[in-house]
């Protein structure tokens, strides 16, 4: 899958619903995703994922 900085993605989780986020960095084997309203108190947070755990949001 061709992932780029700025892409809107969803994280595929087995037990949790999908979280929408934006790619903010490409690391050697992982992708850094920022969740604008995903943290405690609706604050943004950043987490790294393997690319196969991400799915691109359909473009609007």
PDB file of N, CA and C in Angstrom:
ATOM      1  N   UNK A   1       0.858  -1.188   0.000  1.00  0.00           N
ATOM      2  CA  UNK A   1       0.000   0.000   0.000  1.00  0.00           C
ATOM      3  C   UNK A   1       0.892   1.235   0.000  1.00  0.00           C
ATOM      4  N   UNK A   2       0.508   2.226  -0.749  1.00  0.00           N
ATOM      5  CA  UNK A   2       1.290   3.455  -0.874  1.00  0.00           C
ATOM      6  C   UNK A   2       0.797   4.475   0.146  1.00  0.00           C
ATOM      7  N   UNK A   3       1.521   4.606   1.257  1.00  0.00           N
ATOM      8  CA  UNK A   3       1.133   5.548   2.305  1.00  0.00           C
ATOM      9  C   UNK A   3       2.045   6.760   2.257  1.00  0.00           C
ATOM     10  N   UNK A   4       1.457   7.931   2.410  1.00  0.00           N
ATOM     11  CA  UNK A   4       2.234   9.177   2.374  1.00  0.00           C
ATOM     12  C   UNK A   4       1.856  10.054   3.550  1.00  0.00           C
ATOM     13  N   UNK A   5       2.764  10.962   3.898  1.00  0.00           N
ATOM     14  CA  UNK A   5       2.484  11.929   4.961  1.00  0.00           C
ATOM     15  C   UNK A   5       1.272  12.761   4.542  1.00  0.00           C
ATOM     16  N   UNK A   6       0.352  12.943   5.464  1.00  0.00           N
ATOM     17  CA  UNK A   6      -0.868  13.694   5.179  1.00  0.00           C
ATOM     18  C   UNK A   6      -2.061  12.819   4.843  1.00  0.00           C
ATOM     19  N   UNK A   7      -1.812  11.524   4.556  1.00  0.00           N
ATOM     20  CA  UNK A   7      -2.928  10.614   4.271  1.00  0.00           C
ATOM     21  C   UNK A   7      -3.782  10.417   5.513  1.00  0.00           C
ATOM     22  N   UNK A   8      -5.080  10.336   5.311  1.00  0.00           N
ATOM     23  CA  UNK A   8      -6.005  10.009   6.400  1.00  0.00           C
ATOM     24  C   UNK A   8      -6.165   8.493   6.419  1.00  0.00           C
ATOM     25  N   UNK A   9      -5.957   7.903   7.588  1.00  0.00           N
ATOM     26  CA  UNK A   9      -5.997   6.448   7.697  1.00  0.00           C
ATOM     27  C   UNK A   9      -6.841   6.020   8.886  1.00  0.00           C
ATOM     28  N   UNK A  10      -7.251   4.757   8.843  1.00  0.00           N
ATOM     29  CA  UNK A  10      -7.903   4.116   9.984  1.00  0.00           C
ATOM     30  C   UNK A  10      -6.989   3.001  10.449  1.00  0.00           C
ATOM     31  N   UNK A  11      -6.982   2.766  11.756  1.00  0.00           N
ATOM     32  CA  UNK A  11      -6.190   1.690  12.325  1.00  0.00           C
ATOM     33  C   UNK A  11      -7.089   0.469  12.472  1.00  0.00           C
ATOM     34  N   UNK A  12      -6.616  -0.656  11.972  1.00  0.00           N
ATOM     35  CA  UNK A  12      -7.380  -1.891  12.069  1.00  0.00           C
ATOM     36  C   UNK A  12      -7.021  -2.575  13.384  1.00  0.00           C
ATOM     37  N   UNK A  13      -7.961  -2.632  14.281  1.00  0.00           N
ATOM     38  CA  UNK A  13      -7.730  -3.271  15.583  1.00  0.00           C
ATOM     39  C   UNK A  13      -8.707  -4.420  15.732  1.00  0.00           C
ATOM     40  N   UNK A  14      -8.318  -5.404  16.498  1.00  0.00           N
ATOM     41  CA  UNK A  14      -9.200  -6.561  16.639  1.00  0.00           C
ATOM     42  C   UNK A  14     -10.279  -6.327  17.680  1.00  0.00           C
ATOM     43  N   UNK A  15      -9.941  -5.668  18.785  1.00  0.00           N
ATOM     44  CA  UNK A  15     -10.910  -5.537  19.873  1.00  0.00           C
ATOM     45  C   UNK A  15     -11.500  -4.142  19.991  1.00  0.00           C
ATOM     46  N   UNK A  16     -10.929  -3.177  19.299  1.00  0.00           N
ATOM     47  CA  UNK A  16     -11.354  -1.784  19.461  1.00  0.00           C
ATOM     48  C   UNK A  16     -11.878  -1.290  18.115  1.00  0.00           C
ATOM     49  N   UNK A  17     -12.796  -0.325  18.145  1.00  0.00           N
ATOM     50  CA  UNK A  17     -13.282   0.235  16.882  1.00  0.00           C
ATOM     51  C   UNK A  17     -12.156   1.005  16.190  1.00  0.00           C
ATOM     52  N   UNK A  18     -12.319   1.256  14.912  1.00  0.00           N
ATOM     53  CA  UNK A  18     -11.260   1.921  14.150  1.00  0.00           C
ATOM     54  C   UNK A  18     -11.145   3.384  14.568  1.00  0.00           C
ATOM     55  N   UNK A  19      -9.929   3.868  14.570  1.00  0.00           N
ATOM     56  CA  UNK A  19      -9.651   5.255  14.951  1.00  0.00           C
ATOM     57  C   UNK A  19      -9.177   6.008  13.716  1.00  0.00           C
ATOM     58  N   UNK A  20      -9.818   7.120  13.355  1.00  0.00           N
ATOM     59  CA  UNK A  20      -9.304   7.905  12.231  1.00  0.00           C
ATOM     60  C   UNK A  20      -8.095   8.727  12.657  1.00  0.00           C
ATOM     61  N   UNK A  21      -7.087   8.797  11.788  1.00  0.00           N
ATOM     62  CA  UNK A  21      -5.891   9.577  12.090  1.00  0.00           C
ATOM     63  C   UNK A  21      -5.246  10.074  10.816  1.00  0.00           C
ATOM     64  N   UNK A  22      -4.163  10.830  10.967  1.00  0.00           N
ATOM     65  CA  UNK A  22      -3.435  11.399   9.837  1.00  0.00           C
ATOM     66  C   UNK A  22      -1.975  10.981   9.953  1.00  0.00           C
ATOM     67  N   UNK A  23      -1.385  10.535   8.844  1.00  0.00           N
ATOM     68  CA  UNK A  23       0.027  10.151   8.852  1.00  0.00           C
ATOM     69  C   UNK A  23       0.888  11.404   8.977  1.00  0.00           C
ATOM     70  N   UNK A  24       1.780  11.412   9.973  1.00  0.00           N
ATOM     71  CA  UNK A  24       2.666  12.561  10.168  1.00  0.00           C
ATOM     72  C   UNK A  24       4.130  12.181   9.983  1.00  0.00           C
ATOM     73  N   UNK A  25       4.428  10.901   9.800  1.00  0.00           N
ATOM     74  CA  UNK A  25       5.814  10.505   9.596  1.00  0.00           C
ATOM     75  C   UNK A  25       5.911   9.092   9.057  1.00  0.00           C
ATOM     76  N   UNK A  26       6.970   8.843   8.275  1.00  0.00           N
ATOM     77  CA  UNK A  26       7.250   7.511   7.751  1.00  0.00           C
ATOM     78  C   UNK A  26       8.583   7.077   8.356  1.00  0.00           C
ATOM     79  N   UNK A  27       8.562   6.008   9.132  1.00  0.00           N
ATOM     80  CA  UNK A  27       9.761   5.486   9.778  1.00  0.00           C
ATOM     81  C   UNK A  27      10.246   4.266   8.997  1.00  0.00           C
ATOM     82  N   UNK A  28      11.420   3.717   9.340  1.00  0.00           N
ATOM     83  CA  UNK A  28      11.938   2.585   8.551  1.00  0.00           C
ATOM     84  C   UNK A  28      10.953   1.423   8.387  1.00  0.00           C
ATOM     85  N   UNK A  29      10.301   0.984   9.460  1.00  0.00           N
ATOM     86  CA  UNK A  29       9.366  -0.134   9.310  1.00  0.00           C
ATOM     87  C   UNK A  29       7.981   0.192   9.816  1.00  0.00           C
ATOM     88  N   UNK A  30       7.797   1.393  10.295  1.00  0.00           N
ATOM     89  CA  UNK A  30       6.499   1.772  10.864  1.00  0.00           C
ATOM     90  C   UNK A  30       6.041   3.108  10.302  1.00  0.00           C
ATOM     91  N   UNK A  31       4.787   3.411  10.573  1.00  0.00           N
ATOM     92  CA  UNK A  31       4.191   4.669  10.129  1.00  0.00           C
ATOM     93  C   UNK A  31       3.710   5.401  11.370  1.00  0.00           C
ATOM     94  N   UNK A  32       4.030   6.699  11.468  1.00  0.00           N
ATOM     95  CA  UNK A  32       3.628   7.508  12.626  1.00  0.00           C
ATOM     96  C   UNK A  32       2.308   8.193  12.304  1.00  0.00           C
ATOM     97  N   UNK A  33       1.317   7.951  13.159  1.00  0.00           N
ATOM     98  CA  UNK A  33      -0.033   8.469  12.932  1.00  0.00           C
ATOM     99  C   UNK A  33      -0.427   9.379  14.089  1.00  0.00           C
ATOM    100  N   UNK A  34      -0.972  10.552  13.756  1.00  0.00           N
ATOM    101  CA  UNK A  34      -1.499  11.459  14.778  1.00  0.00           C
ATOM    102  C   UNK A  34      -3.018  11.345  14.788  1.00  0.00           C
ATOM    103  N   UNK A  35      -3.563  11.222  15.995  1.00  0.00           N
ATOM    104  CA  UNK A  35      -5.011  11.175  16.184  1.00  0.00           C
ATOM    105  C   UNK A  35      -5.433  12.512  16.765  1.00  0.00           C
ATOM    106  N   UNK A  36      -6.087  13.375  15.961  1.00  0.00           N
ATOM    107  CA  UNK A  36      -6.365  14.744  16.413  1.00  0.00           C
ATOM    108  C   UNK A  36      -7.209  14.815  17.682  1.00  0.00           C
ATOM    109  N   UNK A  37      -8.140  13.885  17.870  1.00  0.00           N
ATOM    110  CA  UNK A  37      -9.027  13.968  19.042  1.00  0.00           C
ATOM    111  C   UNK A  37      -9.083  12.634  19.771  1.00  0.00           C
ATOM    112  N   UNK A  38      -8.014  11.868  19.696  1.00  0.00           N
ATOM    113  CA  UNK A  38      -8.083  10.513  20.224  1.00  0.00           C
ATOM    114  C   UNK A  38      -7.574  10.330  21.633  1.00  0.00           C
ATOM    115  N   UNK A  39      -6.900  11.329  22.172  1.00  0.00           N
ATOM    116  CA  UNK A  39      -6.302  11.160  23.495  1.00  0.00           C
ATOM    117  C   UNK A  39      -7.265  11.491  24.620  1.00  0.00           C
ATOM    118  N   UNK A  40      -6.745  11.470  25.818  1.00  0.00           N
ATOM    119  CA  UNK A  40      -7.572  11.805  26.983  1.00  0.00           C
ATOM    120  C   UNK A  40      -8.031  13.254  26.870  1.00  0.00           C
ATOM    121  N   UNK A  41      -9.293  13.498  27.146  1.00  0.00           N
ATOM    122  CA  UNK A  41      -9.823  14.853  27.065  1.00  0.00           C
ATOM    123  C   UNK A  41      -9.816  15.415  25.662  1.00  0.00           C
ATOM    124  N   UNK A  42      -9.940  14.521  24.662  1.00  0.00           N
ATOM    125  CA  UNK A  42      -9.961  14.940  23.252  1.00  0.00           C
ATOM    126  C   UNK A  42      -8.661  15.583  22.791  1.00  0.00           C
ATOM    127  N   UNK A  43      -7.559  15.341  23.493  1.00  0.00           N
ATOM    128  CA  UNK A  43      -6.283  15.923  23.073  1.00  0.00           C
ATOM    129  C   UNK A  43      -5.643  15.037  22.002  1.00  0.00           C
ATOM    130  N   UNK A  44      -4.815  15.627  21.133  1.00  0.00           N
ATOM    131  CA  UNK A  44      -4.163  14.823  20.100  1.00  0.00           C
ATOM    132  C   UNK A  44      -3.090  13.912  20.701  1.00  0.00           C
ATOM    133  N   UNK A  45      -2.874  12.774  20.078  1.00  0.00           N
ATOM    134  CA  UNK A  45      -1.733  11.955  20.455  1.00  0.00           C
ATOM    135  C   UNK A  45      -1.187  11.255  19.222  1.00  0.00           C
ATOM    136  N   UNK A  46       0.066  10.780  19.319  1.00  0.00           N
ATOM    137  CA  UNK A  46       0.771  10.180  18.191  1.00  0.00           C
ATOM    138  C   UNK A  46       1.185   8.766  18.576  1.00  0.00           C
ATOM    139  N   UNK A  47       1.043   7.840  17.635  1.00  0.00           N
ATOM    140  CA  UNK A  47       1.448   6.454  17.871  1.00  0.00           C
ATOM    141  C   UNK A  47       2.017   5.890  16.572  1.00  0.00           C
ATOM    142  N   UNK A  48       2.942   4.930  16.693  1.00  0.00           N
ATOM    143  CA  UNK A  48       3.546   4.291  15.520  1.00  0.00           C
ATOM    144  C   UNK A  48       2.902   2.929  15.273  1.00  0.00           C
ATOM    145  N   UNK A  49       2.685   2.607  13.988  1.00  0.00           N
ATOM    146  CA  UNK A  49       2.043   1.348  13.615  1.00  0.00           C
ATOM    147  C   UNK A  49       2.789   0.700  12.463  1.00  0.00           C
ATOM    148  N   UNK A  50       2.686  -0.620  12.372  1.00  0.00           N
ATOM    149  CA  UNK A  50       3.151  -1.307  11.170  1.00  0.00           C
ATOM    150  C   UNK A  50       2.164  -0.995  10.048  1.00  0.00           C
ATOM    151  N   UNK A  51       2.667  -0.833   8.811  1.00  0.00           N
ATOM    152  CA  UNK A  51       1.784  -0.440   7.699  1.00  0.00           C
ATOM    153  C   UNK A  51       0.618  -1.397   7.475  1.00  0.00           C
ATOM    154  N   UNK A  52       0.791  -2.691   7.765  1.00  0.00           N
ATOM    155  CA  UNK A  52      -0.313  -3.626   7.516  1.00  0.00           C
ATOM    156  C   UNK A  52      -1.445  -3.489   8.529  1.00  0.00           C
ATOM    157  N   UNK A  53      -1.276  -2.637   9.533  1.00  0.00           N
ATOM    158  CA  UNK A  53      -2.347  -2.383  10.501  1.00  0.00           C
ATOM    159  C   UNK A  53      -3.152  -1.140  10.133  1.00  0.00           C
ATOM    160  N   UNK A  54      -2.831  -0.528   8.984  1.00  0.00           N
ATOM    161  CA  UNK A  54      -3.493   0.711   8.583  1.00  0.00           C
ATOM    162  C   UNK A  54      -4.308   0.503   7.317  1.00  0.00           C
ATOM    163  N   UNK A  55      -5.364   1.275   7.200  1.00  0.00           N
ATOM    164  CA  UNK A  55      -6.201   1.264   6.002  1.00  0.00           C
ATOM    165  C   UNK A  55      -6.465   2.712   5.624  1.00  0.00           C
ATOM    166  N   UNK A  56      -6.250   3.039   4.337  1.00  0.00           N
ATOM    167  CA  UNK A  56      -6.500   4.415   3.886  1.00  0.00           C
ATOM    168  C   UNK A  56      -7.982   4.737   3.940  1.00  0.00           C
ATOM    169  N   UNK A  57      -8.287   5.959   4.388  1.00  0.00           N
ATOM    170  CA  UNK A  57      -9.678   6.431   4.342  1.00  0.00           C
ATOM    171  C   UNK A  57     -10.029   6.685   2.879  1.00  0.00           C
ATOM    172  N   UNK A  58     -11.255   6.365   2.465  1.00  0.00           N
ATOM    173  CA  UNK A  58     -11.647   6.696   1.091  1.00  0.00           C
ATOM    174  C   UNK A  58     -11.593   8.210   0.878  1.00  0.00           C
ATOM    175  N   UNK A  59     -11.066   8.650  -0.257  1.00  0.00           N
ATOM    176  CA  UNK A  59     -10.969  10.105  -0.493  1.00  0.00           C
ATOM    177  C   UNK A  59     -12.345  10.697  -0.708  1.00  0.00           C
ATOM    178  N   UNK A  60     -12.493  11.887  -0.170  1.00  0.00           N
ATOM    179  CA  UNK A  60     -13.799  12.567  -0.260  1.00  0.00           C
ATOM    180  C   UNK A  60     -13.970  13.206  -1.616  1.00  0.00           C
TER     181      UNK A  60
END
